[in-house]
Amino acid sequence: MHASLSGSGRVNVDVHGLLVQDVTLADYGVGGSLTSTTRPSATSRSDTAHIDATLADSRLTISISTHELRDRRHRKGVVALRRGLTDAQYDVTHSTSRS
């Protein structure tokens, strides 16, 4: 069996005051995304995944979407990274098509 994996990704980083002051986590702004697709040649099946992540205001947000044949899933999580703050949220969405 032969398969292929292709994709692309991008990351942007911004650090406020990096050259003029001591920086903390709150000074960082990071955003990125990654998309990948696998395609086995023995079948017509194609799986895709897309990931988005951001770090802003000391909060990490991650969103993952997958699509496998007729099955779609979406997961999203947020974690607060501030000292003394323990806030975390997570959501999962799942759908199946019968086409």
C-alpha atoms as a PDB file:
ATOM      1  CA  MET A   1       0.000   0.000   0.000  1.00  0.00           C
ATOM      2  CA  HIS A   2       1.213   3.454  -0.853  1.00  0.00           C
ATOM      3  CA  ALA A   3       0.074   6.645   0.875  1.00  0.00           C
ATOM      4  CA  SER A   4       0.931  10.314   0.706  1.00  0.00           C
ATOM      5  CA  LEU A   5       0.890  13.120   3.250  1.00  0.00           C
ATOM      6  CA  SER A   6       0.787  16.750   2.236  1.00  0.00           C
ATOM      7  CA  GLY A   7       0.123  19.944   4.079  1.00  0.00           C
ATOM      8  CA  SER A   8       1.146  23.435   4.994  1.00  0.00           C
ATOM      9  CA  GLY A   9       1.637  25.478   8.116  1.00  0.00           C
ATOM     10  CA  ARG A  10       2.172  29.048   9.216  1.00  0.00           C
ATOM     11  CA  VAL A  11       3.196  30.738  12.492  1.00  0.00           C
ATOM     12  CA  ASN A  12       3.295  34.433  13.412  1.00  0.00           C
ATOM     13  CA  VAL A  13       5.018  35.689  16.572  1.00  0.00           C
ATOM     14  CA  ASP A  14       4.787  39.157  18.095  1.00  0.00           C
ATOM     15  CA  VAL A  15       6.584  40.069  21.327  1.00  0.00           C
ATOM     16  CA  HIS A  16       5.678  43.515  22.637  1.00  0.00           C
ATOM     17  CA  GLY A  17       8.669  45.363  24.080  1.00  0.00           C
ATOM     18  CA  LEU A  18      11.191  42.580  23.414  1.00  0.00           C
ATOM     19  CA  LEU A  19      14.156  44.910  22.864  1.00  0.00           C
ATOM     20  CA  VAL A  20      13.338  47.553  25.472  1.00  0.00           C
ATOM     21  CA  GLN A  21      12.039  45.725  28.561  1.00  0.00           C
ATOM     22  CA  ASP A  22      11.854  42.391  30.328  1.00  0.00           C
ATOM     23  CA  VAL A  23       8.945  40.505  28.773  1.00  0.00           C
ATOM     24  CA  THR A  24       6.376  38.204  30.364  1.00  0.00           C
ATOM     25  CA  LEU A  25       3.999  35.672  28.864  1.00  0.00           C
ATOM     26  CA  ALA A  26       1.372  38.417  28.526  1.00  0.00           C
ATOM     27  CA  ASP A  27       3.688  40.250  26.084  1.00  0.00           C
ATOM     28  CA  TYR A  28       3.669  37.359  23.607  1.00  0.00           C
ATOM     29  CA  GLY A  29       1.243  37.009  20.738  1.00  0.00           C
ATOM     30  CA  VAL A  30       1.597  33.772  18.792  1.00  0.00           C
ATOM     31  CA  GLY A  31      -0.733  32.406  16.157  1.00  0.00           C
ATOM     32  CA  GLY A  32      -0.351  29.435  13.903  1.00  0.00           C
ATOM     33  CA  SER A  33      -2.171  26.951  11.736  1.00  0.00           C
ATOM     34  CA  LEU A  34      -1.437  23.582  10.160  1.00  0.00           C
ATOM     35  CA  THR A  35      -3.411  21.695   7.537  1.00  0.00           C
ATOM     36  CA  SER A  36      -2.577  18.156   6.455  1.00  0.00           C
ATOM     37  CA  THR A  37      -4.129  15.597   4.126  1.00  0.00           C
ATOM     38  CA  THR A  38      -3.368  11.900   3.769  1.00  0.00           C
ATOM     39  CA  ARG A  39      -4.349  10.009   0.627  1.00  0.00           C
ATOM     40  CA  PRO A  40      -3.901   6.255   0.436  1.00  0.00           C
ATOM     41  CA  SER A  41      -3.779   5.117  -3.190  1.00  0.00           C
ATOM     42  CA  ALA A  42      -5.365   1.689  -2.629  1.00  0.00           C
ATOM     43  CA  THR A  43      -8.721   3.281  -1.706  1.00  0.00           C
ATOM     44  CA  SER A  44     -10.486   6.557  -2.339  1.00  0.00           C
ATOM     45  CA  ARG A  45     -10.312   7.462   1.340  1.00  0.00           C
ATOM     46  CA  SER A  46      -8.918  10.872   2.185  1.00  0.00           C
ATOM     47  CA  ASP A  47      -8.339  12.170   5.719  1.00  0.00           C
ATOM     48  CA  THR A  48      -7.766  15.844   6.526  1.00  0.00           C
ATOM     49  CA  ALA A  49      -6.899  17.735   9.685  1.00  0.00           C
ATOM     50  CA  HIS A  50      -6.685  21.427  10.461  1.00  0.00           C
ATOM     51  CA  ILE A  51      -5.178  22.879  13.642  1.00  0.00           C
ATOM     52  CA  ASP A  52      -5.300  26.516  14.761  1.00  0.00           C
ATOM     53  CA  ALA A  53      -3.525  27.723  17.890  1.00  0.00           C
ATOM     54  CA  THR A  54      -3.126  31.159  19.439  1.00  0.00           C
ATOM     55  CA  LEU A  55      -1.419  32.534  22.513  1.00  0.00           C
ATOM     56  CA  ALA A  56      -2.741  35.964  23.469  1.00  0.00           C
ATOM     57  CA  ASP A  57      -3.374  37.708  26.795  1.00  0.00           C
ATOM     58  CA  SER A  58      -1.857  34.700  28.609  1.00  0.00           C
ATOM     59  CA  ARG A  59      -4.511  32.382  27.115  1.00  0.00           C
ATOM     60  CA  LEU A  60      -3.729  29.408  24.890  1.00  0.00           C
ATOM     61  CA  THR A  61      -6.519  28.496  22.462  1.00  0.00           C
ATOM     62  CA  ILE A  62      -6.322  25.357  20.324  1.00  0.00           C
ATOM     63  CA  SER A  63      -8.854  24.282  17.712  1.00  0.00           C
ATOM     64  CA  ILE A  64      -8.605  20.929  15.886  1.00  0.00           C
ATOM     65  CA  SER A  65     -10.893  19.843  13.061  1.00  0.00           C
ATOM     66  CA  THR A  66     -10.694  16.431  11.397  1.00  0.00           C
ATOM     67  CA  HIS A  67     -12.569  14.909   8.495  1.00  0.00           C
ATOM     68  CA  GLU A  68     -12.279  11.193   7.853  1.00  0.00           C
ATOM     69  CA  LEU A  69     -14.504   9.767   5.136  1.00  0.00           C
ATOM     70  CA  ARG A  70     -17.987  10.571   6.539  1.00  0.00           C
ATOM     71  CA  ASP A  71     -16.890  11.436  10.062  1.00  0.00           C
ATOM     72  CA  ARG A  72     -16.236  15.065  11.096  1.00  0.00           C
ATOM     73  CA  ARG A  73     -14.942  16.121  14.500  1.00  0.00           C
ATOM     74  CA  HIS A  74     -14.130  19.499  15.983  1.00  0.00           C
ATOM     75  CA  ARG A  75     -12.331  20.048  19.281  1.00  0.00           C
ATOM     76  CA  LYS A  76     -11.563  23.378  20.886  1.00  0.00           C
ATOM     77  CA  GLY A  77      -9.806  24.103  24.141  1.00  0.00           C
ATOM     78  CA  VAL A  78      -8.828  27.256  26.025  1.00  0.00           C
ATOM     79  CA  VAL A  79      -6.336  27.323  28.889  1.00  0.00           C
ATOM     80  CA  ALA A  80      -5.644  30.440  30.951  1.00  0.00           C
ATOM     81  CA  LEU A  81      -1.927  30.635  31.755  1.00  0.00           C
ATOM     82  CA  ARG A  82      -1.937  33.440  34.297  1.00  0.00           C
ATOM     83  CA  ARG A  83      -0.443  32.871  37.725  1.00  0.00           C
ATOM     84  CA  GLY A  84      -3.127  31.887  40.226  1.00  0.00           C
ATOM     85  CA  LEU A  85      -5.783  31.451  37.525  1.00  0.00           C
ATOM     86  CA  THR A  86      -6.874  27.926  36.701  1.00  0.00           C
ATOM     87  CA  ASP A  87      -9.475  28.299  33.985  1.00  0.00           C
ATOM     88  CA  ALA A  88      -9.728  25.620  31.310  1.00  0.00           C
ATOM     89  CA  GLN A  89     -12.551  25.018  28.825  1.00  0.00           C
ATOM     90  CA  TYR A  90     -12.924  22.245  26.267  1.00  0.00           C
ATOM     91  CA  ASP A  91     -15.621  21.522  23.667  1.00  0.00           C
ATOM     92  CA  VAL A  92     -16.043  18.566  21.273  1.00  0.00           C
ATOM     93  CA  THR A  93     -18.392  18.465  18.291  1.00  0.00           C
ATOM     94  CA  HIS A  94     -18.906  15.278  16.290  1.00  0.00           C
ATOM     95  CA  SER A  95     -21.050  14.655  13.219  1.00  0.00           C
ATOM     96  CA  THR A  96     -21.437  11.715  10.866  1.00  0.00           C
ATOM     97  CA  SER A  97     -22.842  11.969   7.367  1.00  0.00           C
ATOM     98  CA  ARG A  98     -24.454   8.989   5.682  1.00  0.00           C
ATOM     99  CA  SER A  99     -23.838   9.879   2.080  1.00  0.00           C
END
